[in-house]
PDB file of N, CA and C in Angstrom:
ATOM      1  N   MET A   1     146.212 139.761  21.919  1.00  0.00           N
ATOM      2  CA  MET A   1     147.511 139.209  21.617  1.00  0.00           C
ATOM      3  C   MET A   1     147.382 137.693  21.559  1.00  0.00           C
ATOM      4  N   THR A   2     148.035 137.087  20.613  1.00  0.00           N
ATOM      5  CA  THR A   2     147.988 135.641  20.483  1.00  0.00           C
ATOM      6  C   THR A   2     149.369 135.051  20.725  1.00  0.00           C
ATOM      7  N   ALA A   3     149.400 133.795  21.060  1.00  0.00           N
ATOM      8  CA  ALA A   3     150.657 133.097  21.301  1.00  0.00           C
ATOM      9  C   ALA A   3     150.775 131.943  20.315  1.00  0.00           C
ATOM     10  N   VAL A   4     151.982 131.534  20.050  1.00  0.00           N
ATOM     11  CA  VAL A   4     152.196 130.409  19.146  1.00  0.00           C
ATOM     12  C   VAL A   4     151.689 129.135  19.826  1.00  0.00           C
ATOM     13  N   PRO A   5     151.285 128.137  19.052  1.00  0.00           N
ATOM     14  CA  PRO A   5     150.745 126.905  19.635  1.00  0.00           C
ATOM     15  C   PRO A   5     151.676 126.249  20.656  1.00  0.00           C
ATOM     16  N   ALA A   6     152.976 126.335  20.463  1.00  0.00           N
ATOM     17  CA  ALA A   6     153.913 125.707  21.397  1.00  0.00           C
ATOM     18  C   ALA A   6     153.767 126.286  22.804  1.00  0.00           C
ATOM     19  N   VAL A   7     153.473 127.571  22.912  1.00  0.00           N
ATOM     20  CA  VAL A   7     153.297 128.203  24.224  1.00  0.00           C
ATOM     21  C   VAL A   7     152.063 127.631  24.911  1.00  0.00           C
ATOM     22  N   HIS A   8     150.991 127.449  24.167  1.00  0.00           N
ATOM     23  CA  HIS A   8     149.764 126.879  24.739  1.00  0.00           C
ATOM     24  C   HIS A   8     150.015 125.446  25.210  1.00  0.00           C
ATOM     25  N   ARG A   9     150.753 124.680  24.421  1.00  0.00           N
ATOM     26  CA  ARG A   9     151.039 123.289  24.797  1.00  0.00           C
ATOM     27  C   ARG A   9     151.922 123.222  26.036  1.00  0.00           C
ATOM     28  N   GLN A  10     152.866 124.148  26.178  1.00  0.00           N
ATOM     29  CA  GLN A  10     153.707 124.182  27.378  1.00  0.00           C
ATOM     30  C   GLN A  10     152.865 124.496  28.609  1.00  0.00           C
ATOM     31  N   LEU A  11     151.926 125.409  28.470  1.00  0.00           N
ATOM     32  CA  LEU A  11     151.038 125.743  29.576  1.00  0.00           C
ATOM     33  C   LEU A  11     150.215 124.526  29.988  1.00  0.00           C
ATOM     34  N   LEU A  12     149.681 123.799  29.018  1.00  0.00           N
ATOM     35  CA  LEU A  12     148.912 122.606  29.330  1.00  0.00           C
ATOM     36  C   LEU A  12     149.761 121.557  30.038  1.00  0.00           C
ATOM     37  N   ALA A  13     150.990 121.387  29.590  1.00  0.00           N
ATOM     38  CA  ALA A  13     151.871 120.405  30.219  1.00  0.00           C
ATOM     39  C   ALA A  13     152.147 120.772  31.675  1.00  0.00           C
ATOM     40  N   ARG A  14     152.264 122.054  31.963  1.00  0.00           N
ATOM     41  CA  ARG A  14     152.557 122.491  33.333  1.00  0.00           C
ATOM     42  C   ARG A  14     151.354 122.378  34.251  1.00  0.00           C
ATOM     43  N   CYS A  15     150.149 122.526  33.732  1.00  0.00           N
ATOM     44  CA  CYS A  15     148.971 122.478  34.596  1.00  0.00           C
ATOM     45  C   CYS A  15     148.357 121.083  34.668  1.00  0.00           C
ATOM     46  N   HIS A  16     148.871 120.130  33.908  1.00  0.00           N
ATOM     47  CA  HIS A  16     148.333 118.771  33.931  1.00  0.00           C
ATOM     48  C   HIS A  16     148.357 118.158  35.332  1.00  0.00           C
ATOM     49  N   PRO A  17     149.410 118.332  36.126  1.00  0.00           N
ATOM     50  CA  PRO A  17     149.404 117.759  37.483  1.00  0.00           C
ATOM     51  C   PRO A  17     148.279 118.295  38.370  1.00  0.00           C
ATOM     52  N   LEU A  18     147.695 119.405  38.034  1.00  0.00           N
ATOM     53  CA  LEU A  18     146.610 119.975  38.828  1.00  0.00           C
ATOM     54  C   LEU A  18     145.280 119.258  38.605  1.00  0.00           C
ATOM     55  N   ASP A  19     145.273 118.289  37.696  1.00  0.00           N
ATOM     56  CA  ASP A  19     144.049 117.548  37.391  1.00  0.00           C
ATOM     57  C   ASP A  19     143.770 116.425  38.370  1.00  0.00           C
ATOM     58  N   GLY A  20     144.439 116.413  39.497  1.00  0.00           N
ATOM     59  CA  GLY A  20     144.178 115.413  40.515  1.00  0.00           C
ATOM     60  C   GLY A  20     145.272 114.381  40.635  1.00  0.00           C
ATOM     61  N   GLY A  21     146.359 114.574  39.976  1.00  0.00           N
ATOM     62  CA  GLY A  21     147.472 113.637  40.088  1.00  0.00           C
ATOM     63  C   GLY A  21     148.332 113.954  41.296  1.00  0.00           C
ATOM     64  N   GLN A  22     149.201 113.055  41.632  1.00  0.00           N
ATOM     65  CA  GLN A  22     150.185 113.242  42.700  1.00  0.00           C
ATOM     66  C   GLN A  22     149.541 113.567  44.046  1.00  0.00           C
ATOM     67  N   GLY A  23     148.376 112.962  44.333  1.00  0.00           N
ATOM     68  CA  GLY A  23     147.739 113.143  45.628  1.00  0.00           C
ATOM     69  C   GLY A  23     147.059 114.483  45.828  1.00  0.00           C
ATOM     70  N   ILE A  24     146.980 115.291  44.785  1.00  0.00           N
ATOM     71  CA  ILE A  24     146.330 116.598  44.881  1.00  0.00           C
ATOM     72  C   ILE A  24     144.873 116.440  44.435  1.00  0.00           C
ATOM     73  N   PRO A  25     143.901 116.788  45.282  1.00  0.00           N
ATOM     74  CA  PRO A  25     142.507 116.653  44.873  1.00  0.00           C
ATOM     75  C   PRO A  25     142.175 117.612  43.721  1.00  0.00           C
ATOM     76  N   ALA A  26     141.416 117.110  42.778  1.00  0.00           N
ATOM     77  CA  ALA A  26     141.049 117.921  41.620  1.00  0.00           C
ATOM     78  C   ALA A  26     139.691 118.573  41.834  1.00  0.00           C
ATOM     79  N   VAL A  27     139.540 119.763  41.320  1.00  0.00           N
ATOM     80  CA  VAL A  27     138.259 120.457  41.330  1.00  0.00           C
ATOM     81  C   VAL A  27     137.631 120.198  39.962  1.00  0.00           C
ATOM     82  N   PRO A  28     136.447 119.574  39.927  1.00  0.00           N
ATOM     83  CA  PRO A  28     135.851 119.209  38.639  1.00  0.00           C
ATOM     84  C   PRO A  28     135.745 120.358  37.640  1.00  0.00           C
ATOM     85  N   ALA A  29     135.399 121.548  38.098  1.00  0.00           N
ATOM     86  CA  ALA A  29     135.262 122.683  37.172  1.00  0.00           C
ATOM     87  C   ALA A  29     136.610 123.053  36.555  1.00  0.00           C
ATOM     88  N   LYS A  30     137.666 123.010  37.349  1.00  0.00           N
ATOM     89  CA  LYS A  30     138.995 123.331  36.824  1.00  0.00           C
ATOM     90  C   LYS A  30     139.461 122.255  35.855  1.00  0.00           C
ATOM     91  N   ARG A  31     139.169 121.000  36.181  1.00  0.00           N
ATOM     92  CA  ARG A  31     139.549 119.900  35.308  1.00  0.00           C
ATOM     93  C   ARG A  31     138.835 120.032  33.968  1.00  0.00           C
ATOM     94  N   LYS A  32     137.548 120.392  34.006  1.00  0.00           N
ATOM     95  CA  LYS A  32     136.781 120.563  32.778  1.00  0.00           C
ATOM     96  C   LYS A  32     137.311 121.742  31.964  1.00  0.00           C
ATOM     97  N   ALA A  33     137.643 122.841  32.622  1.00  0.00           N
ATOM     98  CA  ALA A  33     138.167 124.019  31.928  1.00  0.00           C
ATOM     99  C   ALA A  33     139.477 123.688  31.230  1.00  0.00           C
ATOM    100  N   ARG A  34     140.359 122.935  31.919  1.00  0.00           N
ATOM    101  CA  ARG A  34     141.628 122.553  31.304  1.00  0.00           C
ATOM    102  C   ARG A  34     141.398 121.629  30.118  1.00  0.00           C
ATOM    103  N   ARG A  35     140.449 120.709  30.255  1.00  0.00           N
ATOM    104  CA  ARG A  35     140.143 119.787  29.163  1.00  0.00           C
ATOM    105  C   ARG A  35     139.599 120.532  27.946  1.00  0.00           C
ATOM    106  N   GLU A  36     138.729 121.504  28.156  1.00  0.00           N
ATOM    107  CA  GLU A  36     138.193 122.295  27.046  1.00  0.00           C
ATOM    108  C   GLU A  36     139.293 123.124  26.384  1.00  0.00           C
ATOM    109  N   TYR A  37     140.165 123.685  27.191  1.00  0.00           N
ATOM    110  CA  TYR A  37     141.296 124.452  26.656  1.00  0.00           C
ATOM    111  C   TYR A  37     142.200 123.524  25.840  1.00  0.00           C
ATOM    112  N   GLU A  38     142.447 122.327  26.367  1.00  0.00           N
ATOM    113  CA  GLU A  38     143.272 121.357  25.650  1.00  0.00           C
ATOM    114  C   GLU A  38     142.640 120.999  24.310  1.00  0.00           C
ATOM    115  N   ASN A  39     141.329 120.867  24.265  1.00  0.00           N
ATOM    116  CA  ASN A  39     140.643 120.578  23.004  1.00  0.00           C
ATOM    117  C   ASN A  39     140.829 121.707  21.998  1.00  0.00           C
ATOM    118  N   ARG A  40     140.753 122.943  22.464  1.00  0.00           N
ATOM    119  CA  ARG A  40     140.958 124.079  21.552  1.00  0.00           C
ATOM    120  C   ARG A  40     142.400 124.130  21.062  1.00  0.00           C
ATOM    121  N   VAL A  41     143.350 123.880  21.953  1.00  0.00           N
ATOM    122  CA  VAL A  41     144.759 123.919  21.581  1.00  0.00           C
ATOM    123  C   VAL A  41     145.074 122.801  20.589  1.00  0.00           C
ATOM    124  N   SER A  42     144.427 121.657  20.752  1.00  0.00           N
ATOM    125  CA  SER A  42     144.710 120.523  19.871  1.00  0.00           C
ATOM    126  C   SER A  42     144.318 120.814  18.423  1.00  0.00           C
ATOM    127  N   THR A  43     143.462 121.793  18.202  1.00  0.00           N
ATOM    128  CA  THR A  43     143.075 122.134  16.835  1.00  0.00           C
ATOM    129  C   THR A  43     144.062 123.096  16.172  1.00  0.00           C
ATOM    130  N   LEU A  44     144.992 123.643  16.970  1.00  0.00           N
ATOM    131  CA  LEU A  44     145.983 124.552  16.430  1.00  0.00           C
ATOM    132  C   LEU A  44     147.046 123.797  15.657  1.00  0.00           C
ATOM    133  N   THR A  45     147.644 124.451  14.693  1.00  0.00           N
ATOM    134  CA  THR A  45     148.748 123.855  13.937  1.00  0.00           C
ATOM    135  C   THR A  45     149.879 124.868  13.875  1.00  0.00           C
ATOM    136  N   PRO A  46     151.069 124.512  13.698  1.00  0.00           N
ATOM    137  CA  PRO A  46     151.604 123.161  13.647  1.00  0.00           C
ATOM    138  C   PRO A  46     151.963 122.645  15.027  1.00  0.00           C
ATOM    139  N   ILE A  47     152.103 121.337  15.132  1.00  0.00           N
ATOM    140  CA  ILE A  47     152.560 120.733  16.385  1.00  0.00           C
ATOM    141  C   ILE A  47     154.073 120.728  16.318  1.00  0.00           C
ATOM    142  N   GLY A  48     154.684 121.409  17.251  1.00  0.00           N
ATOM    143  CA  GLY A  48     156.134 121.546  17.226  1.00  0.00           C
ATOM    144  C   GLY A  48     156.765 121.098  18.514  1.00  0.00           C
ATOM    145  N   PRO A  49     158.058 121.257  18.620  1.00  0.00           N
ATOM    146  CA  PRO A  49     158.781 120.826  19.827  1.00  0.00           C
ATOM    147  C   PRO A  49     158.426 121.620  21.064  1.00  0.00           C
TER     148      PRO A  49
END
């Protein structure tokens, strides 16, 4: 099953604070996984609201 690009972007926006912001320590492997996922999502079109 696939999701529209907007769903993937919403997921990325929600997990961004887990990258070590707001005093929460980041786990390098998780940060890398999110970054790779973000790279894949960025290739999707169209960019919508």
